[in-house]
Amino acid sequence: MPAKDIFHDCFKTALIKDGWHISHDPYNLKVGKKDLFIDLGAEKLLAANKGSQKIAVEIKSFVSPSEIRDLEVALGQYVLYQNVLARIEPERTLYLAIRESSFLKLFEQEIGQILLENQVLKLLTFHPETEEIARWIG
């Protein structure tokens, strides 16, 4: 089993505060003989008789010396997980969770705007200090 991201626990708390039930920690995807682990699976009940919303969340810290390298790695993981999840559990939506400060450094710049405009990924941003969700994008 892979190591948890340094912001795993505070993001998990933020998701719970936002009304989500953590259903998987981690969310295991089995593909043939290979195991993949998305950081969290969560569910939220919708209004009466509308069922529930299901998400999977990959948490990334973006703390290495190169934000672009962190972005490349995160995008690669996201694409892999998204494609596998679409086959195994298509009703579950994948999000990439990053700190709000990382969002401001990357996604308010042209490189991040390209990804958002092309709807390459869905993002969740959070404040680790207050353990609260800041934005849902996508």
Protein backbone atom coordinates (compact mmCIF):
# COMPACT_ATOMS: atom_id res chain seq x y z
CA MET A 1 0.00 0.00 0.00
CA PRO A 2 1.38 3.44 -0.93
CA ALA A 3 2.32 6.11 1.58
CA LYS A 4 -0.24 8.80 2.37
CA ASP A 5 0.23 12.35 1.12
CA ILE A 6 1.31 14.78 3.85
CA PHE A 7 -2.06 16.55 3.59
CA HIS A 8 -4.13 13.35 3.57
CA ASP A 9 -5.59 13.65 7.05
CA CYS A 10 -6.40 17.36 6.94
CA PHE A 11 -8.05 16.97 3.51
CA LYS A 12 -10.05 13.99 4.77
CA THR A 13 -11.28 16.13 7.67
CA ALA A 14 -12.19 18.93 5.23
CA LEU A 15 -14.23 16.50 3.14
CA ILE A 16 -16.06 15.21 6.22
CA LYS A 17 -16.76 18.80 7.33
CA ASP A 18 -18.23 19.38 3.86
CA GLY A 19 -20.79 16.64 4.49
CA TRP A 20 -19.11 13.66 2.85
CA HIS A 21 -18.94 10.13 4.22
CA ILE A 22 -15.55 8.48 3.65
CA SER A 23 -16.29 5.09 2.13
CA HIS A 24 -12.74 4.07 1.20
CA ASP A 25 -9.35 5.05 2.62
CA PRO A 26 -7.69 4.24 0.27
CA TYR A 27 -9.94 3.42 -2.68
CA ASN A 28 -8.51 0.23 -4.23
CA LEU A 29 -8.88 -0.36 -7.97
CA LYS A 30 -7.99 -3.84 -9.20
CA VAL A 31 -7.10 -4.08 -12.89
CA GLY A 32 -6.18 -7.61 -13.86
CA LYS A 33 -3.27 -8.48 -11.58
CA LYS A 34 -2.47 -4.84 -10.81
CA ASP A 35 -3.65 -2.82 -7.82
CA LEU A 36 -4.07 0.95 -7.93
CA PHE A 37 -4.82 3.06 -4.88
CA ILE A 38 -6.67 6.37 -5.06
CA ASP A 39 -6.34 8.25 -1.77
CA LEU A 40 -10.04 8.45 -0.83
CA GLY A 41 -13.48 7.34 -1.87
CA ALA A 42 -16.46 9.28 -0.52
CA GLU A 43 -20.22 9.46 -0.81
CA LYS A 44 -22.79 12.12 -0.09
CA LEU A 45 -26.53 11.60 0.15
CA LEU A 46 -28.52 13.82 -2.16
CA ALA A 47 -32.07 15.09 -1.64
CA ALA A 48 -34.75 12.51 -0.88
CA ASN A 49 -35.12 9.81 -3.55
CA LYS A 50 -32.16 11.07 -5.58
CA GLY A 51 -29.59 8.58 -4.31
CA SER A 52 -26.03 9.52 -3.57
CA GLN A 53 -23.09 11.20 -5.25
CA LYS A 54 -19.84 9.22 -5.30
CA ILE A 55 -16.35 10.63 -5.72
CA ALA A 56 -12.77 9.42 -5.60
CA VAL A 57 -10.04 11.88 -4.65
CA GLU A 58 -6.31 11.83 -5.31
CA ILE A 59 -4.53 14.24 -2.95
CA LYS A 60 -1.32 15.94 -4.06
CA SER A 61 0.90 18.21 -1.99
CA PHE A 62 2.94 20.00 -4.71
CA VAL A 63 5.92 20.53 -2.40
CA SER A 64 8.86 19.48 -4.59
CA PRO A 65 11.25 22.09 -6.02
CA SER A 66 9.44 21.88 -9.39
CA GLU A 67 5.71 22.65 -9.45
CA ILE A 68 5.63 21.66 -13.13
CA ARG A 69 7.10 18.24 -12.40
CA ASP A 70 4.55 17.78 -9.61
CA LEU A 71 1.82 18.75 -12.09
CA GLU A 72 3.10 16.29 -14.69
CA VAL A 73 3.11 13.44 -12.18
CA ALA A 74 -0.32 14.37 -10.82
CA LEU A 75 -1.81 14.59 -14.31
CA GLY A 76 -0.37 11.21 -15.26
CA GLN A 77 -1.88 9.60 -12.19
CA TYR A 78 -5.18 11.40 -12.74
CA VAL A 79 -5.48 10.20 -16.35
CA LEU A 80 -4.64 6.62 -15.39
CA TYR A 81 -7.08 6.55 -12.47
CA GLN A 82 -9.82 8.32 -14.44
CA ASN A 83 -9.69 5.79 -17.26
CA VAL A 84 -9.66 2.78 -14.95
CA LEU A 85 -12.41 4.23 -12.75
CA ALA A 86 -14.58 4.91 -15.83
CA ARG A 87 -14.48 1.22 -16.63
CA ILE A 88 -14.86 -0.19 -13.10
CA GLU A 89 -17.20 2.32 -11.44
CA PRO A 90 -18.37 4.93 -13.98
CA GLU A 91 -20.79 6.60 -11.56
CA ARG A 92 -17.87 7.71 -9.35
CA THR A 93 -16.26 11.05 -10.29
CA LEU A 94 -12.52 11.54 -9.85
CA TYR A 95 -11.08 14.75 -8.40
CA LEU A 96 -7.54 15.94 -7.80
CA ALA A 97 -7.25 17.68 -4.42
CA ILE A 98 -4.60 20.36 -3.94
CA ARG A 99 -4.00 23.15 -1.47
CA GLU A 100 -5.59 26.48 -2.38
CA SER A 101 -2.11 28.05 -2.37
CA SER A 102 -0.94 25.52 -5.01
CA PHE A 103 -4.01 26.31 -7.08
CA LEU A 104 -3.17 30.01 -7.03
CA LYS A 105 0.45 29.34 -8.08
CA LEU A 106 -0.44 27.00 -10.96
CA PHE A 107 -4.03 27.26 -12.09
CA GLU A 108 -4.29 31.02 -12.10
CA GLN A 109 -1.32 31.02 -14.48
CA GLU A 110 -1.63 30.36 -18.21
CA ILE A 111 -0.49 26.73 -17.95
CA GLY A 112 -3.21 25.91 -15.44
CA GLN A 113 -5.83 27.92 -17.31
CA ILE A 114 -5.23 25.77 -20.39
CA LEU A 115 -5.96 22.63 -18.36
CA LEU A 116 -9.11 24.14 -16.84
CA GLU A 117 -10.41 25.51 -20.16
CA ASN A 118 -9.90 22.13 -21.82
CA GLN A 119 -11.57 20.38 -18.86
CA VAL A 120 -8.61 18.03 -18.48
CA LEU A 121 -9.32 17.41 -14.80
CA LYS A 122 -11.66 18.14 -11.93
CA LEU A 123 -10.14 19.93 -8.96
CA LEU A 124 -10.87 20.31 -5.29
CA THR A 125 -8.89 22.90 -3.37
CA PHE A 126 -8.58 23.10 0.38
CA HIS A 127 -7.02 25.07 3.20
CA PRO A 128 -4.90 22.70 5.31
CA GLU A 129 -4.76 25.16 8.23
CA THR A 130 -8.55 25.28 8.69
CA GLU A 131 -9.22 21.84 7.17
CA GLU A 132 -11.88 23.29 4.86
CA ILE A 133 -12.73 22.90 1.19
CA ALA A 134 -12.15 26.12 -0.77
CA ARG A 135 -13.30 25.26 -4.32
CA TRP A 136 -14.91 22.59 -6.44
CA ILE A 137 -13.88 23.00 -10.07
CA GLY A 138 -15.30 20.86 -12.84
